[in-house]
């Protein structure tokens, strides 16, 4: 079983658009934005908030850069790299009030479970990057991953389950689905959304 951090990921230097800010901070962080539908809609709706997204795949990153440029969004920072590395090395504690991880690869085969992103270690990293009272929003269409998420998140001291929502509809009326989310909905799959809160400090 391979353990964090993976050697191949450590050899890759993260790329930034528009530029490396030194310390990665903002209001909202999305891990794995894919085509960017959710991210870009949020950034356009809240121009006074700073949005950061970490995308692993180079081709998707380049397409995201093009979409941000066309929309002239000055409140988006894009990072091409492995989130397990980028969050640890570049994101300081207490940096974001919201973090989204929407529909990560479920790696459904048992032998591939170590590749799942949402394990104890990564969830602990994300919890530490939330502000006091900040919110971690997760989503999956895979029922086995649903149980995995709850089991591993329950082990993280700095996360408290706020809500679990299961539906074939959007989470909120203004919610803009990701490409895969819309696909899963069209197929009639039940989607599970989780809200975890980092408890406010006394």
N, C-alpha and C. Protein backbone atom coordinates (compact mmCIF):
# COMPACT_ATOMS: atom_id res chain seq x y z
N UNK A 1 0.84 -1.20 0.00
CA UNK A 1 0.00 0.00 0.00
C UNK A 1 0.88 1.25 0.00
N UNK A 2 0.62 2.13 -0.93
CA UNK A 2 1.37 3.38 -0.97
C UNK A 2 0.84 4.34 0.08
N UNK A 3 1.73 5.11 0.66
CA UNK A 3 1.30 6.04 1.70
C UNK A 3 1.62 7.47 1.25
N UNK A 4 0.98 8.41 1.90
CA UNK A 4 1.20 9.84 1.63
C UNK A 4 2.56 10.24 2.20
N UNK A 5 3.34 11.11 1.52
CA UNK A 5 3.05 11.64 0.19
C UNK A 5 3.62 10.74 -0.89
N UNK A 6 2.96 10.67 -2.03
CA UNK A 6 3.44 9.86 -3.13
C UNK A 6 4.66 10.52 -3.76
N UNK A 7 5.66 9.70 -4.07
CA UNK A 7 6.92 10.24 -4.57
C UNK A 7 6.75 10.99 -5.88
N UNK A 8 5.91 10.45 -6.79
CA UNK A 8 5.76 11.11 -8.09
C UNK A 8 5.17 12.51 -7.93
N UNK A 9 4.28 12.68 -6.95
CA UNK A 9 3.65 13.98 -6.74
C UNK A 9 4.65 14.99 -6.17
N UNK A 10 5.54 14.52 -5.33
CA UNK A 10 6.53 15.42 -4.74
C UNK A 10 7.52 15.94 -5.77
N UNK A 11 7.72 15.19 -6.85
CA UNK A 11 8.68 15.61 -7.87
C UNK A 11 8.11 16.70 -8.79
N UNK A 12 6.79 16.87 -8.76
CA UNK A 12 6.17 17.88 -9.62
C UNK A 12 6.04 19.20 -8.89
N UNK A 13 6.44 20.27 -9.54
CA UNK A 13 6.25 21.60 -8.97
C UNK A 13 4.86 22.11 -9.34
N UNK A 14 4.19 22.67 -8.37
CA UNK A 14 2.86 23.23 -8.64
C UNK A 14 2.98 24.45 -9.56
N UNK A 15 1.97 24.61 -10.42
CA UNK A 15 1.91 25.79 -11.28
C UNK A 15 0.72 26.64 -10.85
N UNK A 16 0.88 27.96 -11.01
CA UNK A 16 -0.13 28.90 -10.53
C UNK A 16 -0.61 29.80 -11.67
N UNK A 17 -1.87 30.18 -11.60
CA UNK A 17 -2.39 31.26 -12.44
C UNK A 17 -3.27 32.13 -11.54
N UNK A 18 -3.02 33.46 -11.51
CA UNK A 18 -2.09 34.19 -12.36
C UNK A 18 -0.62 34.11 -11.94
N UNK A 19 -0.32 33.96 -10.66
CA UNK A 19 1.08 33.84 -10.25
C UNK A 19 1.12 33.22 -8.87
N UNK A 20 2.30 32.76 -8.49
CA UNK A 20 2.48 32.16 -7.17
C UNK A 20 2.38 33.26 -6.12
N UNK A 21 1.37 33.21 -5.25
CA UNK A 21 1.19 34.29 -4.27
C UNK A 21 2.04 34.13 -3.02
N UNK A 22 2.84 33.07 -2.97
CA UNK A 22 3.63 32.82 -1.76
C UNK A 22 2.82 31.99 -0.77
N UNK A 23 1.89 32.59 -0.10
CA UNK A 23 0.98 31.87 0.79
C UNK A 23 -0.40 31.83 0.17
N UNK A 24 -1.00 30.67 0.10
CA UNK A 24 -2.29 30.51 -0.55
C UNK A 24 -3.41 30.72 0.46
N UNK A 25 -4.07 31.85 0.37
CA UNK A 25 -5.19 32.16 1.26
C UNK A 25 -6.35 32.72 0.45
N UNK A 26 -7.51 32.81 1.06
CA UNK A 26 -8.67 33.35 0.38
C UNK A 26 -9.91 33.13 1.20
N UNK A 27 -11.04 33.06 0.54
CA UNK A 27 -12.32 32.82 1.20
C UNK A 27 -12.81 31.40 0.97
N UNK A 28 -12.70 30.94 -0.28
CA UNK A 28 -13.23 29.63 -0.67
C UNK A 28 -12.15 28.84 -1.40
N UNK A 29 -11.99 27.57 -1.02
CA UNK A 29 -11.06 26.66 -1.68
C UNK A 29 -11.85 25.51 -2.26
N UNK A 30 -11.59 25.20 -3.55
CA UNK A 30 -12.19 24.00 -4.13
C UNK A 30 -11.08 23.05 -4.56
N UNK A 31 -11.22 21.79 -4.16
CA UNK A 31 -10.29 20.75 -4.56
C UNK A 31 -10.90 20.01 -5.74
N UNK A 32 -10.18 19.98 -6.86
CA UNK A 32 -10.66 19.25 -8.04
C UNK A 32 -11.83 19.91 -8.74
N UNK A 33 -11.68 21.13 -9.26
CA UNK A 33 -12.81 21.82 -9.90
C UNK A 33 -13.21 21.25 -11.25
N UNK A 34 -12.37 20.41 -11.85
CA UNK A 34 -12.72 19.84 -13.15
C UNK A 34 -12.88 20.91 -14.20
N UNK A 35 -14.05 20.98 -14.84
CA UNK A 35 -14.30 21.98 -15.88
C UNK A 35 -14.51 23.37 -15.30
N UNK A 36 -14.84 23.42 -14.01
CA UNK A 36 -14.93 24.71 -13.33
C UNK A 36 -16.31 25.34 -13.29
N UNK A 37 -17.36 24.60 -13.65
CA UNK A 37 -18.70 25.20 -13.68
C UNK A 37 -19.10 25.76 -12.33
N UNK A 38 -18.92 24.98 -11.28
CA UNK A 38 -19.28 25.42 -9.93
C UNK A 38 -18.40 26.59 -9.49
N UNK A 39 -17.10 26.44 -9.66
CA UNK A 39 -16.14 27.46 -9.25
C UNK A 39 -16.40 28.80 -9.92
N UNK A 40 -16.54 28.80 -11.23
CA UNK A 40 -16.67 30.06 -11.97
C UNK A 40 -18.00 30.74 -11.68
N UNK A 41 -19.05 29.96 -11.50
CA UNK A 41 -20.34 30.56 -11.16
C UNK A 41 -20.28 31.24 -9.80
N UNK A 42 -19.62 30.58 -8.85
CA UNK A 42 -19.45 31.17 -7.52
C UNK A 42 -18.63 32.46 -7.59
N UNK A 43 -17.52 32.41 -8.33
CA UNK A 43 -16.64 33.57 -8.42
C UNK A 43 -17.34 34.76 -9.07
N UNK A 44 -18.18 34.49 -10.08
CA UNK A 44 -18.92 35.57 -10.72
C UNK A 44 -19.99 36.15 -9.81
N UNK A 45 -20.59 35.29 -8.98
CA UNK A 45 -21.67 35.75 -8.09
C UNK A 45 -21.14 36.52 -6.89
N UNK A 46 -19.89 36.25 -6.51
CA UNK A 46 -19.32 36.90 -5.32
C UNK A 46 -17.97 37.53 -5.69
N UNK A 47 -17.98 38.64 -6.41
CA UNK A 47 -16.73 39.25 -6.89
C UNK A 47 -15.84 39.78 -5.78
N UNK A 48 -16.36 39.99 -4.59
CA UNK A 48 -15.56 40.49 -3.48
C UNK A 48 -14.94 39.38 -2.64
N UNK A 49 -15.16 38.15 -3.04
CA UNK A 49 -14.56 37.01 -2.33
C UNK A 49 -13.47 36.40 -3.20
N UNK A 50 -12.44 35.85 -2.57
CA UNK A 50 -11.33 35.25 -3.31
C UNK A 50 -11.51 33.73 -3.34
N UNK A 51 -11.43 33.17 -4.55
CA UNK A 51 -11.62 31.75 -4.76
C UNK A 51 -10.30 31.11 -5.23
N UNK A 52 -9.97 30.00 -4.62
CA UNK A 52 -8.76 29.25 -4.97
C UNK A 52 -9.18 27.84 -5.35
N UNK A 53 -8.59 27.30 -6.42
CA UNK A 53 -8.91 25.95 -6.85
C UNK A 53 -7.63 25.19 -7.16
N UNK A 54 -7.57 23.95 -6.73
CA UNK A 54 -6.41 23.09 -6.99
C UNK A 54 -6.85 21.96 -7.91
N UNK A 55 -6.29 21.91 -9.10
CA UNK A 55 -6.64 20.90 -10.10
C UNK A 55 -5.40 20.05 -10.42
N UNK A 56 -5.57 18.74 -10.35
CA UNK A 56 -4.45 17.82 -10.57
C UNK A 56 -4.04 17.71 -12.03
N UNK A 57 -5.02 17.67 -12.93
CA UNK A 57 -4.72 17.36 -14.33
C UNK A 57 -4.34 18.61 -15.11
N UNK A 58 -3.23 18.51 -15.85
CA UNK A 58 -2.70 19.66 -16.57
C UNK A 58 -3.67 20.18 -17.63
N UNK A 59 -4.28 19.28 -18.37
CA UNK A 59 -5.17 19.71 -19.45
C UNK A 59 -6.37 20.47 -18.88
N UNK A 60 -6.94 19.96 -17.81
CA UNK A 60 -8.06 20.66 -17.17
C UNK A 60 -7.61 22.01 -16.64
N UNK A 61 -6.41 22.07 -16.08
CA UNK A 61 -5.89 23.33 -15.56
C UNK A 61 -5.79 24.36 -16.67
N UNK A 62 -5.24 23.97 -17.82
CA UNK A 62 -5.10 24.91 -18.94
C UNK A 62 -6.46 25.41 -19.42
N UNK A 63 -7.45 24.52 -19.47
CA UNK A 63 -8.79 24.93 -19.89
C UNK A 63 -9.42 25.87 -18.86
N UNK A 64 -9.16 25.60 -17.59
CA UNK A 64 -9.66 26.49 -16.54
C UNK A 64 -9.06 27.88 -16.67
N UNK A 65 -7.77 27.94 -16.94
CA UNK A 65 -7.10 29.24 -17.12
C UNK A 65 -7.78 30.00 -18.25
N UNK A 66 -8.05 29.33 -19.36
CA UNK A 66 -8.71 29.99 -20.49
C UNK A 66 -10.09 30.51 -20.10
N UNK A 67 -10.83 29.73 -19.35
CA UNK A 67 -12.18 30.14 -18.96
C UNK A 67 -12.15 31.34 -18.00
N UNK A 68 -11.18 31.34 -17.09
CA UNK A 68 -11.02 32.48 -16.17
C UNK A 68 -10.64 33.74 -16.95
N UNK A 69 -9.75 33.60 -17.91
CA UNK A 69 -9.34 34.75 -18.72
C UNK A 69 -10.51 35.31 -19.51
N UNK A 70 -11.30 34.44 -20.14
CA UNK A 70 -12.43 34.90 -20.96
C UNK A 70 -13.45 35.65 -20.12
N UNK A 71 -13.60 35.23 -18.87
CA UNK A 71 -14.58 35.88 -17.99
C UNK A 71 -13.98 37.07 -17.22
N UNK A 72 -12.67 37.27 -17.40
CA UNK A 72 -11.96 38.38 -16.76
C UNK A 72 -12.19 38.37 -15.25
N UNK A 73 -12.04 37.20 -14.66
CA UNK A 73 -12.25 37.05 -13.22
C UNK A 73 -10.94 37.33 -12.48
N UNK A 74 -10.94 38.40 -11.71
CA UNK A 74 -9.73 38.79 -10.97
C UNK A 74 -9.70 38.19 -9.57
N UNK A 75 -10.72 37.45 -9.20
CA UNK A 75 -10.82 36.92 -7.83
C UNK A 75 -10.62 35.41 -7.76
N UNK A 76 -9.95 34.85 -8.79
CA UNK A 76 -9.70 33.41 -8.84
C UNK A 76 -8.21 33.13 -8.95
N UNK A 77 -7.72 32.24 -8.11
CA UNK A 77 -6.36 31.72 -8.18
C UNK A 77 -6.45 30.24 -8.49
N UNK A 78 -5.78 29.81 -9.57
CA UNK A 78 -5.77 28.41 -9.98
C UNK A 78 -4.41 27.80 -9.72
N UNK A 79 -4.41 26.56 -9.23
CA UNK A 79 -3.16 25.85 -8.94
C UNK A 79 -3.22 24.48 -9.59
N UNK A 80 -2.18 24.15 -10.35
CA UNK A 80 -2.06 22.82 -10.95
C UNK A 80 -1.07 22.01 -10.12
N UNK A 81 -1.60 21.00 -9.42
CA UNK A 81 -0.76 20.18 -8.58
C UNK A 81 -1.60 19.18 -7.81
N UNK A 82 -0.95 18.33 -7.06
CA UNK A 82 -1.62 17.35 -6.22
C UNK A 82 -2.04 18.03 -4.93
N UNK A 83 -3.34 18.05 -4.66
CA UNK A 83 -3.86 18.77 -3.50
C UNK A 83 -3.26 18.26 -2.19
N UNK A 84 -2.91 16.99 -2.14
CA UNK A 84 -2.32 16.44 -0.92
C UNK A 84 -0.97 17.08 -0.61
N UNK A 85 -0.30 17.52 -1.68
CA UNK A 85 0.99 18.20 -1.52
C UNK A 85 0.79 19.70 -1.37
N UNK A 86 -0.03 20.28 -2.26
CA UNK A 86 -0.21 21.73 -2.27
C UNK A 86 -0.78 22.24 -0.96
N UNK A 87 -1.80 21.56 -0.44
CA UNK A 87 -2.41 22.01 0.82
C UNK A 87 -1.39 21.97 1.95
N UNK A 88 -0.62 20.90 2.01
CA UNK A 88 0.38 20.78 3.07
C UNK A 88 1.48 21.83 2.97
N UNK A 89 1.94 22.09 1.74
CA UNK A 89 3.12 22.94 1.57
C UNK A 89 2.80 24.43 1.40
N UNK A 90 1.65 24.74 0.83
CA UNK A 90 1.40 26.14 0.44
C UNK A 90 0.24 26.82 1.14
N UNK A 91 -0.66 26.06 1.76
CA UNK A 91 -1.83 26.65 2.38
C UNK A 91 -1.62 26.74 3.90
N UNK A 92 -1.61 27.93 4.46
CA UNK A 92 -1.39 28.07 5.90
C UNK A 92 -2.64 27.67 6.69
N UNK A 93 -2.49 27.43 7.97
CA UNK A 93 -3.66 27.13 8.81
C UNK A 93 -4.64 28.31 8.82
N UNK A 94 -5.90 27.99 9.07
CA UNK A 94 -6.95 29.01 9.23
C UNK A 94 -7.10 29.91 8.01
N UNK A 95 -6.95 29.33 6.81
CA UNK A 95 -6.88 30.16 5.61
C UNK A 95 -8.22 30.37 4.92
N UNK A 96 -9.19 29.46 5.07
CA UNK A 96 -10.43 29.53 4.29
C UNK A 96 -11.65 29.32 5.18
N UNK A 97 -12.72 30.03 4.86
CA UNK A 97 -13.97 29.85 5.59
C UNK A 97 -14.81 28.71 5.00
N UNK A 98 -14.56 28.37 3.74
CA UNK A 98 -15.25 27.25 3.10
C UNK A 98 -14.28 26.47 2.23
N UNK A 99 -14.39 25.14 2.28
CA UNK A 99 -13.62 24.26 1.41
C UNK A 99 -14.60 23.26 0.79
N UNK A 100 -14.50 23.09 -0.54
CA UNK A 100 -15.37 22.17 -1.26
C UNK A 100 -14.52 21.04 -1.88
N UNK A 101 -14.99 19.81 -1.71
CA UNK A 101 -14.44 18.66 -2.43
C UNK A 101 -15.65 17.92 -3.00
N UNK A 102 -15.93 18.15 -4.27
CA UNK A 102 -17.16 17.67 -4.89
C UNK A 102 -16.86 16.53 -5.86
N UNK A 103 -17.39 15.38 -5.57
CA UNK A 103 -17.32 14.21 -6.44
C UNK A 103 -15.89 13.78 -6.78
N UNK A 104 -15.06 13.56 -5.76
CA UNK A 104 -13.73 13.01 -6.03
C UNK A 104 -13.87 11.59 -6.54
N UNK A 105 -12.86 11.12 -7.25
CA UNK A 105 -12.86 9.75 -7.78
C UNK A 105 -13.10 8.76 -6.64
N UNK A 106 -14.14 7.91 -6.73
CA UNK A 106 -14.41 6.99 -5.61
C UNK A 106 -13.48 5.79 -5.54
N UNK A 107 -12.69 5.55 -6.59
CA UNK A 107 -11.81 4.37 -6.60
C UNK A 107 -12.57 3.17 -6.02
N UNK A 108 -13.59 2.68 -6.72
CA UNK A 108 -14.51 1.71 -6.14
C UNK A 108 -13.93 0.32 -5.85
N UNK A 109 -12.87 -0.06 -6.57
CA UNK A 109 -12.30 -1.39 -6.31
C UNK A 109 -11.57 -1.41 -4.97
N UNK A 110 -11.73 -2.50 -4.24
CA UNK A 110 -11.18 -2.58 -2.89
C UNK A 110 -9.66 -2.35 -2.86
N UNK A 111 -8.97 -2.90 -3.84
CA UNK A 111 -7.51 -2.77 -3.85
C UNK A 111 -7.06 -1.33 -4.11
N UNK A 112 -7.97 -0.49 -4.62
CA UNK A 112 -7.64 0.90 -4.91
C UNK A 112 -8.05 1.87 -3.81
N UNK A 113 -8.62 1.37 -2.72
CA UNK A 113 -9.07 2.26 -1.64
C UNK A 113 -7.97 3.19 -1.12
N UNK A 114 -6.69 2.74 -1.05
CA UNK A 114 -5.65 3.67 -0.59
C UNK A 114 -5.50 4.92 -1.45
N UNK A 115 -6.03 4.89 -2.69
CA UNK A 115 -5.94 6.04 -3.56
C UNK A 115 -7.03 7.08 -3.28
N UNK A 116 -8.01 6.73 -2.47
CA UNK A 116 -9.09 7.67 -2.19
C UNK A 116 -8.56 8.92 -1.49
N UNK A 117 -9.02 10.06 -1.97
CA UNK A 117 -8.53 11.34 -1.46
C UNK A 117 -8.95 11.60 -0.03
N UNK A 118 -10.19 11.27 0.29
CA UNK A 118 -10.76 11.68 1.58
C UNK A 118 -10.48 10.66 2.68
N UNK A 119 -9.20 10.55 3.03
CA UNK A 119 -8.81 9.70 4.15
C UNK A 119 -8.56 10.56 5.38
N UNK A 120 -8.22 9.91 6.49
CA UNK A 120 -8.00 10.64 7.75
C UNK A 120 -6.99 11.77 7.58
N UNK A 121 -5.87 11.45 6.95
CA UNK A 121 -4.76 12.41 6.88
C UNK A 121 -5.14 13.66 6.09
N UNK A 122 -5.80 13.45 4.94
CA UNK A 122 -6.14 14.61 4.12
C UNK A 122 -7.26 15.42 4.77
N UNK A 123 -8.23 14.75 5.38
CA UNK A 123 -9.29 15.47 6.07
C UNK A 123 -8.75 16.28 7.25
N UNK A 124 -7.74 15.77 7.92
CA UNK A 124 -7.10 16.53 8.99
C UNK A 124 -6.41 17.77 8.43
N UNK A 125 -5.77 17.63 7.27
CA UNK A 125 -5.14 18.79 6.62
C UNK A 125 -6.17 19.86 6.30
N UNK A 126 -7.30 19.43 5.74
CA UNK A 126 -8.34 20.39 5.37
C UNK A 126 -8.94 21.05 6.60
N UNK A 127 -9.19 20.28 7.64
CA UNK A 127 -9.76 20.85 8.86
C UNK A 127 -8.86 21.94 9.42
N UNK A 128 -7.56 21.72 9.39
CA UNK A 128 -6.61 22.69 9.93
C UNK A 128 -6.56 23.96 9.08
N UNK A 129 -6.97 23.87 7.80
CA UNK A 129 -6.94 25.04 6.92
C UNK A 129 -8.24 25.83 6.97
N UNK A 130 -9.24 25.33 7.69
CA UNK A 130 -10.48 26.06 7.88
C UNK A 130 -10.32 27.09 9.00
N UNK A 131 -11.00 28.19 8.85
CA UNK A 131 -11.09 29.14 9.95
C UNK A 131 -11.96 28.55 11.06
N UNK A 132 -11.88 29.10 12.23
CA UNK A 132 -12.75 28.68 13.33
C UNK A 132 -14.21 28.88 12.91
N UNK A 133 -15.01 27.83 12.97
CA UNK A 133 -16.38 27.90 12.51
C UNK A 133 -16.54 27.70 11.02
N UNK A 134 -15.43 27.44 10.32
CA UNK A 134 -15.47 27.24 8.87
C UNK A 134 -16.13 25.93 8.49
N UNK A 135 -16.47 25.80 7.19
CA UNK A 135 -17.28 24.68 6.72
C UNK A 135 -16.57 23.92 5.60
N UNK A 136 -16.57 22.59 5.72
CA UNK A 136 -16.07 21.69 4.69
C UNK A 136 -17.28 21.01 4.04
N UNK A 137 -17.45 21.20 2.73
CA UNK A 137 -18.59 20.63 2.00
C UNK A 137 -18.08 19.55 1.07
N UNK A 138 -18.63 18.35 1.22
CA UNK A 138 -18.22 17.20 0.42
C UNK A 138 -19.44 16.65 -0.31
N UNK A 139 -19.22 16.00 -1.46
CA UNK A 139 -20.33 15.39 -2.19
C UNK A 139 -19.85 14.15 -2.92
N UNK A 140 -20.72 13.14 -2.97
CA UNK A 140 -20.43 11.92 -3.72
C UNK A 140 -21.73 11.30 -4.20
N UNK A 141 -21.63 10.56 -5.30
CA UNK A 141 -22.77 9.79 -5.79
C UNK A 141 -22.58 8.31 -5.51
N UNK A 142 -21.43 7.95 -4.92
CA UNK A 142 -21.07 6.55 -4.69
C UNK A 142 -21.40 6.16 -3.25
N UNK A 143 -22.25 5.16 -3.09
CA UNK A 143 -22.71 4.81 -1.75
C UNK A 143 -21.62 4.20 -0.88
N UNK A 144 -20.69 3.46 -1.46
CA UNK A 144 -19.60 2.93 -0.64
C UNK A 144 -18.68 4.05 -0.17
N UNK A 145 -18.47 5.04 -1.04
CA UNK A 145 -17.64 6.19 -0.66
C UNK A 145 -18.36 7.02 0.41
N UNK A 146 -19.67 7.06 0.35
CA UNK A 146 -20.45 7.77 1.36
C UNK A 146 -20.11 7.26 2.76
N UNK A 147 -20.13 5.94 2.93
CA UNK A 147 -19.79 5.37 4.22
C UNK A 147 -18.35 5.60 4.60
N UNK A 148 -17.47 5.53 3.62
CA UNK A 148 -16.03 5.77 3.84
C UNK A 148 -15.82 7.19 4.36
N UNK A 149 -16.45 8.16 3.73
CA UNK A 149 -16.29 9.56 4.13
C UNK A 149 -16.72 9.76 5.59
N UNK A 150 -17.88 9.23 5.93
CA UNK A 150 -18.38 9.42 7.29
C UNK A 150 -17.47 8.75 8.31
N UNK A 151 -16.98 7.56 7.99
CA UNK A 151 -16.11 6.84 8.91
C UNK A 151 -14.81 7.61 9.15
N UNK A 152 -14.22 8.11 8.08
CA UNK A 152 -12.93 8.79 8.22
C UNK A 152 -13.08 10.20 8.80
N UNK A 153 -14.14 10.90 8.43
CA UNK A 153 -14.34 12.24 8.98
C UNK A 153 -14.63 12.18 10.48
N UNK A 154 -15.29 11.11 10.92
CA UNK A 154 -15.58 10.97 12.35
C UNK A 154 -14.31 10.84 13.18
N UNK A 155 -13.22 10.46 12.55
CA UNK A 155 -11.95 10.29 13.26
C UNK A 155 -11.18 11.60 13.43
N UNK A 156 -11.65 12.66 12.75
CA UNK A 156 -10.93 13.94 12.77
C UNK A 156 -11.49 14.81 13.89
N UNK A 157 -10.66 15.10 14.87
CA UNK A 157 -11.12 15.83 16.06
C UNK A 157 -11.67 17.22 15.73
N UNK A 158 -11.12 17.88 14.71
CA UNK A 158 -11.52 19.26 14.41
C UNK A 158 -12.66 19.36 13.40
N UNK A 159 -13.38 18.27 13.17
CA UNK A 159 -14.55 18.32 12.30
C UNK A 159 -15.76 17.79 13.03
N UNK A 160 -16.87 18.52 12.89
CA UNK A 160 -18.14 18.10 13.46
C UNK A 160 -19.16 18.05 12.33
N UNK A 161 -19.90 16.95 12.23
CA UNK A 161 -20.90 16.81 11.19
C UNK A 161 -22.01 17.82 11.40
N UNK A 162 -22.22 18.68 10.40
CA UNK A 162 -23.28 19.66 10.50
C UNK A 162 -24.57 19.16 9.89
N UNK A 163 -24.47 18.54 8.68
CA UNK A 163 -25.67 18.05 8.01
C UNK A 163 -25.29 17.04 6.94
N UNK A 164 -26.21 16.13 6.67
CA UNK A 164 -26.11 15.20 5.55
C UNK A 164 -27.38 15.37 4.73
N UNK A 165 -27.22 15.60 3.44
CA UNK A 165 -28.36 15.84 2.57
C UNK A 165 -28.29 14.87 1.41
N UNK A 166 -29.33 14.07 1.21
CA UNK A 166 -29.39 13.15 0.09
C UNK A 166 -30.52 13.54 -0.83
N UNK A 167 -30.19 13.69 -2.11
CA UNK A 167 -31.22 14.16 -3.03
C UNK A 167 -30.78 13.97 -4.47
N UNK A 168 -31.77 13.88 -5.35
CA UNK A 168 -31.50 13.93 -6.77
C UNK A 168 -31.52 15.35 -7.29
N UNK A 169 -31.83 16.30 -6.41
CA UNK A 169 -31.88 17.70 -6.78
C UNK A 169 -30.65 18.43 -6.27
N UNK A 170 -30.52 19.70 -6.64
CA UNK A 170 -29.40 20.52 -6.20
C UNK A 170 -29.48 20.76 -4.70
N UNK A 171 -28.34 21.05 -4.13
CA UNK A 171 -28.27 21.27 -2.68
C UNK A 171 -29.06 22.51 -2.27
N UNK A 172 -28.94 23.59 -3.03
CA UNK A 172 -29.68 24.83 -2.78
C UNK A 172 -30.21 25.35 -4.12
N UNK A 173 -31.20 26.25 -4.12
CA UNK A 173 -31.75 26.75 -5.39
C UNK A 173 -30.71 27.41 -6.29
N UNK A 174 -29.71 28.06 -5.69
CA UNK A 174 -28.70 28.76 -6.49
C UNK A 174 -27.48 27.89 -6.83
N UNK A 175 -27.53 26.64 -6.43
CA UNK A 175 -26.40 25.72 -6.64
C UNK A 175 -26.19 25.47 -8.13
N UNK A 176 -24.94 25.59 -8.59
CA UNK A 176 -24.59 25.28 -9.98
C UNK A 176 -23.86 23.94 -9.99
N UNK A 177 -24.42 22.91 -10.59
CA UNK A 177 -23.80 21.58 -10.52
C UNK A 177 -22.52 21.49 -11.34
N UNK A 178 -21.64 20.62 -10.90
CA UNK A 178 -20.47 20.29 -11.70
C UNK A 178 -20.91 19.45 -12.90
N UNK A 179 -20.00 19.27 -13.85
CA UNK A 179 -20.31 18.46 -15.03
C UNK A 179 -20.73 17.05 -14.63
N UNK A 180 -19.94 16.43 -13.73
CA UNK A 180 -20.25 15.07 -13.32
C UNK A 180 -21.52 15.02 -12.47
N UNK A 181 -21.72 16.02 -11.64
CA UNK A 181 -22.92 16.06 -10.81
C UNK A 181 -24.17 16.05 -11.67
N UNK A 182 -24.18 16.85 -12.72
CA UNK A 182 -25.34 16.89 -13.60
C UNK A 182 -25.53 15.56 -14.31
N UNK A 183 -24.42 14.93 -14.69
CA UNK A 183 -24.49 13.62 -15.35
C UNK A 183 -25.11 12.60 -14.43
N UNK A 184 -24.64 12.59 -13.17
CA UNK A 184 -25.17 11.61 -12.21
C UNK A 184 -26.66 11.87 -11.93
N UNK A 185 -27.04 13.12 -11.85
CA UNK A 185 -28.44 13.45 -11.63
C UNK A 185 -29.32 12.98 -12.79
N UNK A 186 -28.82 13.22 -14.02
CA UNK A 186 -29.57 12.80 -15.20
C UNK A 186 -29.75 11.29 -15.24
N UNK A 187 -28.81 10.56 -14.65
CA UNK A 187 -28.90 9.10 -14.58
C UNK A 187 -29.77 8.63 -13.41
N UNK A 188 -30.27 9.57 -12.61
CA UNK A 188 -31.14 9.22 -11.50
C UNK A 188 -30.42 8.78 -10.24
N UNK A 189 -29.15 9.03 -10.15
CA UNK A 189 -28.40 8.62 -8.96
C UNK A 189 -28.74 9.52 -7.77
N UNK A 190 -28.69 8.93 -6.58
CA UNK A 190 -28.85 9.72 -5.36
C UNK A 190 -27.51 10.32 -4.98
N UNK A 191 -27.50 11.61 -4.74
CA UNK A 191 -26.27 12.31 -4.39
C UNK A 191 -26.29 12.65 -2.91
N UNK A 192 -25.17 12.43 -2.26
CA UNK A 192 -25.05 12.75 -0.84
C UNK A 192 -24.11 13.94 -0.67
N UNK A 193 -24.61 14.95 0.04
CA UNK A 193 -23.81 16.12 0.39
C UNK A 193 -23.55 16.10 1.89
N UNK A 194 -22.34 16.42 2.28
CA UNK A 194 -21.97 16.49 3.69
C UNK A 194 -21.52 17.91 4.02
N UNK A 195 -21.89 18.39 5.17
CA UNK A 195 -21.37 19.65 5.70
C UNK A 195 -20.70 19.36 7.04
N UNK A 196 -19.39 19.60 7.09
CA UNK A 196 -18.64 19.43 8.33
C UNK A 196 -18.14 20.81 8.79
N UNK A 197 -18.23 21.06 10.07
CA UNK A 197 -17.86 22.35 10.65
C UNK A 197 -16.63 22.18 11.54
N UNK A 198 -15.70 23.13 11.42
CA UNK A 198 -14.62 23.18 12.39
C UNK A 198 -15.14 23.99 13.58
N UNK A 199 -15.22 23.39 14.77
CA UNK A 199 -15.82 24.07 15.91
C UNK A 199 -15.14 25.39 16.21
N UNK A 200 -15.95 26.38 16.57
CA UNK A 200 -15.42 27.69 16.95
C UNK A 200 -14.61 27.55 18.22
N UNK A 201 -13.52 28.27 18.28
CA UNK A 201 -12.67 28.24 19.47
C UNK A 201 -13.33 29.00 20.60
N UNK A 202 -13.14 28.50 21.81
CA UNK A 202 -13.71 29.18 23.01
C UNK A 202 -13.00 30.49 23.28
